[in-house]
């Protein structure tokens, strides 16, 4: 698996994921907050399947 998520993109994904999950746990936004698992996991693993499909890459590592 090649990395295709890097830098600011990765940090924002992790923050958004944690915030959505936390809001869901507090009951603020309901069950839909669990969708935060997706950006959290893609940020932690530095890989986004959608980026692979559309050919996008934000990771500064050389190919």
PDB file of N, CA and C in Angstrom:
ATOM      1  N   UNK A   1       0.845  -1.170   0.000  1.00  0.00           N
ATOM      2  CA  UNK A   1       0.000   0.000   0.000  1.00  0.00           C
ATOM      3  C   UNK A   1       0.893   1.236   0.000  1.00  0.00           C
ATOM      4  N   UNK A   2       0.673   2.096  -0.969  1.00  0.00           N
ATOM      5  CA  UNK A   2       1.438   3.339  -1.052  1.00  0.00           C
ATOM      6  C   UNK A   2       0.720   4.429  -0.270  1.00  0.00           C
ATOM      7  N   UNK A   3       1.507   5.318   0.310  1.00  0.00           N
ATOM      8  CA  UNK A   3       0.930   6.448   1.035  1.00  0.00           C
ATOM      9  C   UNK A   3       0.468   7.498   0.035  1.00  0.00           C
ATOM     10  N   UNK A   4      -0.718   8.056   0.235  1.00  0.00           N
ATOM     11  CA  UNK A   4      -1.185   9.124  -0.640  1.00  0.00           C
ATOM     12  C   UNK A   4      -1.821  10.276   0.146  1.00  0.00           C
ATOM     13  N   UNK A   5      -1.697  10.254   1.472  1.00  0.00           N
ATOM     14  CA  UNK A   5      -2.195  11.337   2.318  1.00  0.00           C
ATOM     15  C   UNK A   5      -1.023  11.842   3.151  1.00  0.00           C
ATOM     16  N   UNK A   6      -0.757  13.115   3.084  1.00  0.00           N
ATOM     17  CA  UNK A   6       0.378  13.631   3.834  1.00  0.00           C
ATOM     18  C   UNK A   6       0.160  15.035   4.356  1.00  0.00           C
ATOM     19  N   UNK A   7       1.007  15.435   5.257  1.00  0.00           N
ATOM     20  CA  UNK A   7       1.051  16.802   5.770  1.00  0.00           C
ATOM     21  C   UNK A   7      -0.210  17.296   6.422  1.00  0.00           C
ATOM     22  N   UNK A   8      -0.631  18.478   5.998  1.00  0.00           N
ATOM     23  CA  UNK A   8      -1.790  19.144   6.573  1.00  0.00           C
ATOM     24  C   UNK A   8      -3.056  18.321   6.354  1.00  0.00           C
ATOM     25  N   UNK A   9      -3.154  17.680   5.203  1.00  0.00           N
ATOM     26  CA  UNK A   9      -4.302  16.826   4.896  1.00  0.00           C
ATOM     27  C   UNK A   9      -4.467  15.742   5.967  1.00  0.00           C
ATOM     28  N   UNK A  10      -3.386  15.131   6.341  1.00  0.00           N
ATOM     29  CA  UNK A  10      -3.407  14.056   7.349  1.00  0.00           C
ATOM     30  C   UNK A  10      -3.832  14.597   8.719  1.00  0.00           C
ATOM     31  N   UNK A  11      -3.262  15.713   9.123  1.00  0.00           N
ATOM     32  CA  UNK A  11      -3.582  16.307  10.423  1.00  0.00           C
ATOM     33  C   UNK A  11      -5.053  16.708  10.487  1.00  0.00           C
ATOM     34  N   UNK A  12      -5.555  17.329   9.418  1.00  0.00           N
ATOM     35  CA  UNK A  12      -6.958  17.743   9.391  1.00  0.00           C
ATOM     36  C   UNK A  12      -7.897  16.548   9.447  1.00  0.00           C
ATOM     37  N   UNK A  13      -7.562  15.466   8.756  1.00  0.00           N
ATOM     38  CA  UNK A  13      -8.389  14.263   8.791  1.00  0.00           C
ATOM     39  C   UNK A  13      -8.475  13.698  10.203  1.00  0.00           C
ATOM     40  N   UNK A  14      -7.348  13.641  10.887  1.00  0.00           N
ATOM     41  CA  UNK A  14      -7.325  13.094  12.241  1.00  0.00           C
ATOM     42  C   UNK A  14      -8.134  13.972  13.187  1.00  0.00           C
ATOM     43  N   UNK A  15      -7.964  15.281  13.095  1.00  0.00           N
ATOM     44  CA  UNK A  15      -8.694  16.210  13.968  1.00  0.00           C
ATOM     45  C   UNK A  15     -10.197  16.125  13.707  1.00  0.00           C
ATOM     46  N   UNK A  16     -10.588  16.156  12.446  1.00  0.00           N
ATOM     47  CA  UNK A  16     -12.018  16.090  12.100  1.00  0.00           C
ATOM     48  C   UNK A  16     -12.617  14.770  12.571  1.00  0.00           C
ATOM     49  N   UNK A  17     -11.889  13.684  12.380  1.00  0.00           N
ATOM     50  CA  UNK A  17     -12.374  12.382  12.822  1.00  0.00           C
ATOM     51  C   UNK A  17     -12.595  12.325  14.318  1.00  0.00           C
ATOM     52  N   UNK A  18     -11.620  12.811  15.076  1.00  0.00           N
ATOM     53  CA  UNK A  18     -11.739  12.805  16.537  1.00  0.00           C
ATOM     54  C   UNK A  18     -12.887  13.705  16.997  1.00  0.00           C
ATOM     55  N   UNK A  19     -13.019  14.869  16.401  1.00  0.00           N
ATOM     56  CA  UNK A  19     -14.093  15.795  16.787  1.00  0.00           C
ATOM     57  C   UNK A  19     -15.459  15.182  16.497  1.00  0.00           C
ATOM     58  N   UNK A  20     -15.637  14.585  15.321  1.00  0.00           N
ATOM     59  CA  UNK A  20     -16.923  13.978  14.986  1.00  0.00           C
ATOM     60  C   UNK A  20     -17.280  12.837  15.937  1.00  0.00           C
ATOM     61  N   UNK A  21     -16.314  12.002  16.248  1.00  0.00           N
ATOM     62  CA  UNK A  21     -16.561  10.883  17.161  1.00  0.00           C
ATOM     63  C   UNK A  21     -16.878  11.403  18.568  1.00  0.00           C
ATOM     64  N   UNK A  22     -16.140  12.409  19.014  1.00  0.00           N
ATOM     65  CA  UNK A  22     -16.388  12.988  20.340  1.00  0.00           C
ATOM     66  C   UNK A  22     -17.779  13.608  20.417  1.00  0.00           C
ATOM     67  N   UNK A  23     -18.182  14.339  19.383  1.00  0.00           N
ATOM     68  CA  UNK A  23     -19.518  14.936  19.363  1.00  0.00           C
ATOM     69  C   UNK A  23     -20.603  13.869  19.369  1.00  0.00           C
ATOM     70  N   UNK A  24     -20.344  12.767  18.703  1.00  0.00           N
ATOM     71  CA  UNK A  24     -21.294  11.663  18.689  1.00  0.00           C
ATOM     72  C   UNK A  24     -21.404  11.022  20.072  1.00  0.00           C
ATOM     73  N   UNK A  25     -20.274  10.847  20.735  1.00  0.00           N
ATOM     74  CA  UNK A  25     -20.278  10.260  22.073  1.00  0.00           C
ATOM     75  C   UNK A  25     -20.986  11.152  23.088  1.00  0.00           C
ATOM     76  N   UNK A  26     -20.901  12.463  22.896  1.00  0.00           N
ATOM     77  CA  UNK A  26     -21.569  13.396  23.795  1.00  0.00           C
ATOM     78  C   UNK A  26     -23.053  13.546  23.468  1.00  0.00           C
ATOM     79  N   UNK A  27     -23.483  12.987  22.348  1.00  0.00           N
ATOM     80  CA  UNK A  27     -24.888  13.067  21.966  1.00  0.00           C
ATOM     81  C   UNK A  27     -25.261  14.345  21.251  1.00  0.00           C
ATOM     82  N   UNK A  28     -24.284  15.122  20.858  1.00  0.00           N
ATOM     83  CA  UNK A  28     -24.553  16.403  20.207  1.00  0.00           C
ATOM     84  C   UNK A  28     -25.061  16.235  18.779  1.00  0.00           C
ATOM     85  N   UNK A  29     -24.426  15.342  18.004  1.00  0.00           N
ATOM     86  CA  UNK A  29     -24.809  15.204  16.600  1.00  0.00           C
ATOM     87  C   UNK A  29     -25.397  13.836  16.274  1.00  0.00           C
ATOM     88  N   UNK A  30     -25.545  13.009  17.248  1.00  0.00           N
ATOM     89  CA  UNK A  30     -26.193  11.716  17.032  1.00  0.00           C
ATOM     90  C   UNK A  30     -25.270  10.678  16.403  1.00  0.00           C
ATOM     91  N   UNK A  31     -25.901   9.672  15.837  1.00  0.00           N
ATOM     92  CA  UNK A  31     -25.180   8.514  15.305  1.00  0.00           C
ATOM     93  C   UNK A  31     -24.316   8.875  14.095  1.00  0.00           C
ATOM     94  N   UNK A  32     -24.699   9.889  13.362  1.00  0.00           N
ATOM     95  CA  UNK A  32     -23.955  10.254  12.152  1.00  0.00           C
ATOM     96  C   UNK A  32     -22.521  10.679  12.454  1.00  0.00           C
ATOM     97  N   UNK A  33     -22.216  11.021  13.668  1.00  0.00           N
ATOM     98  CA  UNK A  33     -20.862  11.408  14.042  1.00  0.00           C
ATOM     99  C   UNK A  33     -19.863  10.271  13.916  1.00  0.00           C
ATOM    100  N   UNK A  34     -20.369   9.046  13.938  1.00  0.00           N
ATOM    101  CA  UNK A  34     -19.472   7.893  13.800  1.00  0.00           C
ATOM    102  C   UNK A  34     -18.851   7.803  12.413  1.00  0.00           C
ATOM    103  N   UNK A  35     -19.333   8.601  11.469  1.00  0.00           N
ATOM    104  CA  UNK A  35     -18.700   8.667  10.146  1.00  0.00           C
ATOM    105  C   UNK A  35     -17.285   9.230  10.287  1.00  0.00           C
ATOM    106  N   UNK A  36     -16.987   9.830  11.439  1.00  0.00           N
ATOM    107  CA  UNK A  36     -15.652  10.350  11.719  1.00  0.00           C
ATOM    108  C   UNK A  36     -14.586   9.266  11.744  1.00  0.00           C
ATOM    109  N   UNK A  37     -15.006   8.015  11.824  1.00  0.00           N
ATOM    110  CA  UNK A  37     -14.049   6.906  11.780  1.00  0.00           C
ATOM    111  C   UNK A  37     -13.307   6.900  10.445  1.00  0.00           C
ATOM    112  N   UNK A  38     -14.001   7.261   9.376  1.00  0.00           N
ATOM    113  CA  UNK A  38     -13.386   7.228   8.036  1.00  0.00           C
ATOM    114  C   UNK A  38     -12.212   8.202   7.934  1.00  0.00           C
ATOM    115  N   UNK A  39     -12.388   9.500   8.213  1.00  0.00           N
ATOM    116  CA  UNK A  39     -11.220  10.384   8.115  1.00  0.00           C
ATOM    117  C   UNK A  39     -10.139  10.052   9.144  1.00  0.00           C
ATOM    118  N   UNK A  40     -10.543   9.570  10.326  1.00  0.00           N
ATOM    119  CA  UNK A  40      -9.560   9.204  11.340  1.00  0.00           C
ATOM    120  C   UNK A  40      -8.672   8.065  10.852  1.00  0.00           C
ATOM    121  N   UNK A  41      -9.268   7.022  10.318  1.00  0.00           N
ATOM    122  CA  UNK A  41      -8.496   5.866   9.843  1.00  0.00           C
ATOM    123  C   UNK A  41      -7.640   6.230   8.626  1.00  0.00           C
ATOM    124  N   UNK A  42      -8.190   6.993   7.689  1.00  0.00           N
ATOM    125  CA  UNK A  42      -7.392   7.369   6.518  1.00  0.00           C
ATOM    126  C   UNK A  42      -6.230   8.271   6.911  1.00  0.00           C
ATOM    127  N   UNK A  43      -6.426   9.097   7.924  1.00  0.00           N
ATOM    128  CA  UNK A  43      -5.333   9.943   8.410  1.00  0.00           C
ATOM    129  C   UNK A  43      -4.260   9.141   9.126  1.00  0.00           C
ATOM    130  N   UNK A  44      -4.671   8.175   9.924  1.00  0.00           N
ATOM    131  CA  UNK A  44      -3.706   7.361  10.668  1.00  0.00           C
ATOM    132  C   UNK A  44      -2.894   6.445   9.758  1.00  0.00           C
ATOM    133  N   UNK A  45      -3.546   5.882   8.741  1.00  0.00           N
ATOM    134  CA  UNK A  45      -2.853   4.962   7.838  1.00  0.00           C
ATOM    135  C   UNK A  45      -2.203   5.649   6.638  1.00  0.00           C
ATOM    136  N   UNK A  46      -2.407   6.969   6.514  1.00  0.00           N
ATOM    137  CA  UNK A  46      -1.854   7.763   5.407  1.00  0.00           C
ATOM    138  C   UNK A  46      -2.288   7.246   4.038  1.00  0.00           C
ATOM    139  N   UNK A  47      -3.460   6.637   3.972  1.00  0.00           N
ATOM    140  CA  UNK A  47      -3.941   6.088   2.709  1.00  0.00           C
ATOM    141  C   UNK A  47      -5.435   6.339   2.575  1.00  0.00           C
ATOM    142  N   UNK A  48      -5.830   6.892   1.434  1.00  0.00           N
ATOM    143  CA  UNK A  48      -7.230   7.150   1.150  1.00  0.00           C
ATOM    144  C   UNK A  48      -7.604   6.424  -0.142  1.00  0.00           C
ATOM    145  N   UNK A  49      -8.518   5.452  -0.076  1.00  0.00           N
ATOM    146  CA  UNK A  49      -8.911   4.722  -1.282  1.00  0.00           C
ATOM    147  C   UNK A  49      -9.492   5.635  -2.366  1.00  0.00           C
ATOM    148  N   UNK A  50     -10.223   6.662  -1.988  1.00  0.00           N
ATOM    149  CA  UNK A  50     -10.789   7.582  -2.969  1.00  0.00           C
ATOM    150  C   UNK A  50      -9.681   8.311  -3.729  1.00  0.00           C
ATOM    151  N   UNK A  51      -8.625   8.722  -3.023  1.00  0.00           N
ATOM    152  CA  UNK A  51      -7.495   9.369  -3.682  1.00  0.00           C
ATOM    153  C   UNK A  51      -6.876   8.437  -4.726  1.00  0.00           C
ATOM    154  N   UNK A  52      -6.807   7.158  -4.437  1.00  0.00           N
ATOM    155  CA  UNK A  52      -6.258   6.195  -5.388  1.00  0.00           C
ATOM    156  C   UNK A  52      -7.109   6.128  -6.647  1.00  0.00           C
ATOM    157  N   UNK A  53      -8.418   6.141  -6.461  1.00  0.00           N
ATOM    158  CA  UNK A  53      -9.336   6.045  -7.602  1.00  0.00           C
ATOM    159  C   UNK A  53      -9.223   7.262  -8.513  1.00  0.00           C
ATOM    160  N   UNK A  54      -9.133   8.454  -7.918  1.00  0.00           N
ATOM    161  CA  UNK A  54      -9.094   9.667  -8.741  1.00  0.00           C
ATOM    162  C   UNK A  54      -7.670  10.111  -9.075  1.00  0.00           C
ATOM    163  N   UNK A  55      -6.680   9.394  -8.566  1.00  0.00           N
ATOM    164  CA  UNK A  55      -5.291   9.694  -8.901  1.00  0.00           C
ATOM    165  C   UNK A  55      -4.699  10.881  -8.160  1.00  0.00           C
ATOM    166  N   UNK A  56      -5.246  11.196  -7.018  1.00  0.00           N
ATOM    167  CA  UNK A  56      -4.750  12.333  -6.242  1.00  0.00           C
ATOM    168  C   UNK A  56      -3.723  11.862  -5.216  1.00  0.00           C
ATOM    169  N   UNK A  57      -2.775  12.723  -4.888  1.00  0.00           N
ATOM    170  CA  UNK A  57      -1.733  12.383  -3.918  1.00  0.00           C
ATOM    171  C   UNK A  57      -1.274  13.659  -3.228  1.00  0.00           C
ATOM    172  N   UNK A  58      -1.395  13.709  -1.891  1.00  0.00           N
ATOM    173  CA  UNK A  58      -0.931  14.877  -1.149  1.00  0.00           C
ATOM    174  C   UNK A  58       0.324  14.564  -0.324  1.00  0.00           C
ATOM    175  N   UNK A  59       0.817  13.359  -0.472  1.00  0.00           N
ATOM    176  CA  UNK A  59       2.001  12.941   0.279  1.00  0.00           C
ATOM    177  C   UNK A  59       3.253  13.423  -0.440  1.00  0.00           C
ATOM    178  N   UNK A  60       4.163  14.095   0.277  1.00  0.00           N
ATOM    179  CA  UNK A  60       5.346  14.644  -0.360  1.00  0.00           C
ATOM    180  C   UNK A  60       6.438  13.618  -0.657  1.00  0.00           C
ATOM    181  N   UNK A  61       6.223  12.352  -0.299  1.00  0.00           N
ATOM    182  CA  UNK A  61       7.245  11.329  -0.533  1.00  0.00           C
ATOM    183  C   UNK A  61       7.422  11.081  -2.036  1.00  0.00           C
ATOM    184  N   UNK A  62       8.628  10.759  -2.426  1.00  0.00           N
ATOM    185  CA  UNK A  62       8.897  10.517  -3.836  1.00  0.00           C
ATOM    186  C   UNK A  62       8.230   9.218  -4.275  1.00  0.00           C
ATOM    187  N   UNK A  63       7.818   9.214  -5.536  1.00  0.00           N
ATOM    188  CA  UNK A  63       7.152   8.039  -6.090  1.00  0.00           C
ATOM    189  C   UNK A  63       8.130   6.956  -6.462  1.00  0.00           C
TER     190      UNK A  63
END
